[in-house]
Amino acid sequence: MESFSDSLERGQGKKAEARTLQIGDQVVYRRDGTRGIVYAKNGELCQVVWEDEFVSWEQSEALYRL
């Protein structure tokens, strides 16, 4: 029986996690659960419009897609 980590090493993990964030994706900030939408990208940085209408640049690893 293979473990979860074995399946991830062979690229069989969640397809949603494998795809990079795109403009228009709904995201959640990992630290506090705040939701937002990716408005722009610059490399690994994403500009996010948050639910309270605040806008900030965040590292993509600090976000996960809904």
N, C-alpha and C. Protein backbone atom coordinates (compact mmCIF):
# COMPACT_ATOMS: atom_id res chain seq x y z
N MET A 1 0.85 -1.18 0.00
CA MET A 1 0.00 0.00 0.00
C MET A 1 0.90 1.24 0.00
N GLU A 2 0.60 2.18 -0.89
CA GLU A 2 1.41 3.38 -0.95
C GLU A 2 0.90 4.43 0.03
N SER A 3 1.82 5.23 0.52
CA SER A 3 1.43 6.30 1.43
C SER A 3 1.04 7.54 0.64
N PHE A 4 0.44 8.50 1.33
CA PHE A 4 0.03 9.75 0.69
C PHE A 4 1.25 10.46 0.10
N SER A 5 2.36 10.49 0.84
CA SER A 5 3.55 11.18 0.34
C SER A 5 4.12 10.50 -0.89
N ASP A 6 3.99 9.16 -0.98
CA ASP A 6 4.46 8.44 -2.17
C ASP A 6 3.66 8.88 -3.39
N SER A 7 2.35 9.03 -3.25
CA SER A 7 1.53 9.42 -4.39
C SER A 7 1.82 10.85 -4.81
N LEU A 8 2.15 11.74 -3.86
CA LEU A 8 2.49 13.12 -4.21
C LEU A 8 3.80 13.19 -4.97
N GLU A 9 4.76 12.34 -4.60
CA GLU A 9 6.05 12.34 -5.27
C GLU A 9 5.91 11.95 -6.74
N ARG A 10 4.93 11.15 -7.06
CA ARG A 10 4.71 10.73 -8.43
C ARG A 10 3.71 11.60 -9.16
N GLY A 11 3.34 12.73 -8.55
CA GLY A 11 2.45 13.68 -9.21
C GLY A 11 1.00 13.29 -9.21
N GLN A 12 0.58 12.46 -8.26
CA GLN A 12 -0.80 12.02 -8.21
C GLN A 12 -1.59 12.71 -7.11
N GLY A 13 -1.06 13.81 -6.58
CA GLY A 13 -1.76 14.56 -5.55
C GLY A 13 -2.91 15.34 -6.13
N LYS A 14 -3.49 16.22 -5.34
CA LYS A 14 -4.62 17.02 -5.81
C LYS A 14 -4.20 17.86 -7.01
N LYS A 15 -4.98 17.80 -8.07
CA LYS A 15 -4.67 18.59 -9.25
C LYS A 15 -4.78 20.08 -8.96
N ALA A 16 -5.67 20.47 -8.07
CA ALA A 16 -5.84 21.88 -7.74
C ALA A 16 -4.56 22.45 -7.12
N GLU A 17 -3.84 21.65 -6.33
CA GLU A 17 -2.61 22.11 -5.71
C GLU A 17 -1.49 22.23 -6.73
N ALA A 18 -1.53 21.43 -7.79
CA ALA A 18 -0.47 21.42 -8.78
C ALA A 18 -0.54 22.65 -9.69
N ARG A 19 -1.73 23.18 -9.92
CA ARG A 19 -1.91 24.33 -10.80
C ARG A 19 -1.52 25.60 -10.06
N THR A 20 -0.76 26.46 -10.72
CA THR A 20 -0.39 27.72 -10.09
C THR A 20 -1.58 28.66 -10.04
N LEU A 21 -1.52 29.59 -9.15
CA LEU A 21 -2.61 30.56 -9.02
C LEU A 21 -2.68 31.43 -10.27
N GLN A 22 -3.89 31.74 -10.68
CA GLN A 22 -4.13 32.54 -11.87
C GLN A 22 -4.96 33.77 -11.48
N ILE A 23 -4.89 34.80 -12.31
CA ILE A 23 -5.73 35.97 -12.10
C ILE A 23 -7.20 35.54 -12.13
N GLY A 24 -7.95 36.00 -11.15
CA GLY A 24 -9.37 35.65 -11.05
C GLY A 24 -9.65 34.51 -10.08
N ASP A 25 -8.61 33.79 -9.63
CA ASP A 25 -8.82 32.70 -8.68
C ASP A 25 -9.27 33.24 -7.33
N GLN A 26 -10.21 32.55 -6.70
CA GLN A 26 -10.60 32.87 -5.33
C GLN A 26 -9.60 32.17 -4.43
N VAL A 27 -9.07 32.91 -3.44
CA VAL A 27 -8.03 32.38 -2.58
C VAL A 27 -8.35 32.64 -1.11
N VAL A 28 -7.64 31.92 -0.25
CA VAL A 28 -7.73 32.10 1.19
C VAL A 28 -6.31 32.31 1.71
N TYR A 29 -6.15 33.31 2.58
CA TYR A 29 -4.85 33.57 3.21
C TYR A 29 -4.66 32.53 4.30
N ARG A 30 -3.56 31.78 4.24
CA ARG A 30 -3.34 30.66 5.15
C ARG A 30 -3.28 31.07 6.62
N ARG A 31 -2.79 32.25 6.94
CA ARG A 31 -2.61 32.66 8.34
C ARG A 31 -3.92 32.90 9.08
N ASP A 32 -4.88 33.56 8.42
CA ASP A 32 -6.09 33.93 9.16
C ASP A 32 -7.41 33.57 8.47
N GLY A 33 -7.35 32.94 7.31
CA GLY A 33 -8.57 32.49 6.65
C GLY A 33 -9.31 33.55 5.86
N THR A 34 -8.71 34.73 5.70
CA THR A 34 -9.35 35.79 4.93
C THR A 34 -9.45 35.39 3.47
N ARG A 35 -10.59 35.71 2.84
CA ARG A 35 -10.82 35.35 1.45
C ARG A 35 -10.59 36.55 0.54
N GLY A 36 -10.15 36.25 -0.69
CA GLY A 36 -9.94 37.30 -1.66
C GLY A 36 -9.89 36.75 -3.07
N ILE A 37 -9.61 37.62 -4.02
CA ILE A 37 -9.51 37.25 -5.44
C ILE A 37 -8.18 37.77 -5.98
N VAL A 38 -7.46 36.92 -6.70
CA VAL A 38 -6.19 37.33 -7.31
C VAL A 38 -6.50 38.32 -8.43
N TYR A 39 -5.90 39.50 -8.31
CA TYR A 39 -6.15 40.60 -9.24
C TYR A 39 -5.01 40.75 -10.25
N ALA A 40 -3.78 40.44 -9.82
CA ALA A 40 -2.60 40.55 -10.69
C ALA A 40 -1.52 39.61 -10.17
N LYS A 41 -0.53 39.32 -11.03
CA LYS A 41 0.59 38.46 -10.63
C LYS A 41 1.89 39.08 -11.12
N ASN A 42 2.95 38.87 -10.34
CA ASN A 42 4.30 39.27 -10.71
C ASN A 42 5.24 38.21 -10.16
N GLY A 43 5.56 37.20 -10.96
CA GLY A 43 6.36 36.08 -10.48
C GLY A 43 5.58 35.29 -9.45
N GLU A 44 6.16 35.14 -8.25
CA GLU A 44 5.49 34.41 -7.17
C GLU A 44 4.64 35.31 -6.29
N LEU A 45 4.57 36.60 -6.62
CA LEU A 45 3.72 37.52 -5.87
C LEU A 45 2.35 37.63 -6.53
N CYS A 46 1.32 37.68 -5.69
CA CYS A 46 -0.05 37.85 -6.17
C CYS A 46 -0.65 39.09 -5.52
N GLN A 47 -1.25 39.95 -6.34
CA GLN A 47 -1.99 41.08 -5.81
C GLN A 47 -3.41 40.59 -5.56
N VAL A 48 -3.87 40.74 -4.33
CA VAL A 48 -5.17 40.19 -3.93
C VAL A 48 -6.09 41.30 -3.47
N VAL A 49 -7.33 41.26 -3.95
CA VAL A 49 -8.39 42.14 -3.45
C VAL A 49 -9.13 41.32 -2.40
N TRP A 50 -9.03 41.75 -1.14
CA TRP A 50 -9.62 41.00 -0.04
C TRP A 50 -11.09 41.33 0.14
N GLU A 51 -11.79 40.51 0.90
CA GLU A 51 -13.24 40.66 1.09
C GLU A 51 -13.62 42.01 1.70
N ASP A 52 -12.69 42.65 2.41
CA ASP A 52 -12.97 43.98 2.98
C ASP A 52 -12.53 45.10 2.03
N GLU A 53 -12.22 44.74 0.78
CA GLU A 53 -11.82 45.63 -0.31
C GLU A 53 -10.41 46.19 -0.16
N PHE A 54 -9.65 45.72 0.83
CA PHE A 54 -8.23 46.06 0.96
C PHE A 54 -7.47 45.31 -0.13
N VAL A 55 -6.39 45.90 -0.65
CA VAL A 55 -5.58 45.26 -1.70
C VAL A 55 -4.16 45.14 -1.20
N SER A 56 -3.54 43.94 -1.39
CA SER A 56 -2.15 43.75 -0.98
C SER A 56 -1.46 42.74 -1.88
N TRP A 57 -0.12 42.77 -1.85
CA TRP A 57 0.70 41.79 -2.55
C TRP A 57 1.11 40.72 -1.56
N GLU A 58 0.91 39.45 -1.93
CA GLU A 58 1.23 38.32 -1.05
C GLU A 58 2.03 37.27 -1.81
N GLN A 59 2.89 36.56 -1.10
CA GLN A 59 3.60 35.42 -1.68
C GLN A 59 2.57 34.34 -1.99
N SER A 60 2.72 33.68 -3.13
CA SER A 60 1.72 32.68 -3.53
C SER A 60 1.64 31.51 -2.55
N GLU A 61 2.75 31.18 -1.85
CA GLU A 61 2.69 30.06 -0.89
C GLU A 61 1.89 30.42 0.35
N ALA A 62 1.57 31.71 0.56
CA ALA A 62 0.74 32.12 1.70
C ALA A 62 -0.74 32.02 1.38
N LEU A 63 -1.07 31.59 0.15
CA LEU A 63 -2.45 31.52 -0.31
C LEU A 63 -2.80 30.12 -0.76
N TYR A 64 -4.05 29.75 -0.63
CA TYR A 64 -4.52 28.54 -1.30
C TYR A 64 -5.83 28.83 -2.02
N ARG A 65 -6.02 28.14 -3.11
CA ARG A 65 -7.18 28.37 -3.98
C ARG A 65 -8.41 27.64 -3.44
N LEU A 66 -9.56 28.28 -3.58
CA LEU A 66 -10.84 27.64 -3.21
C LEU A 66 -11.33 26.77 -4.33
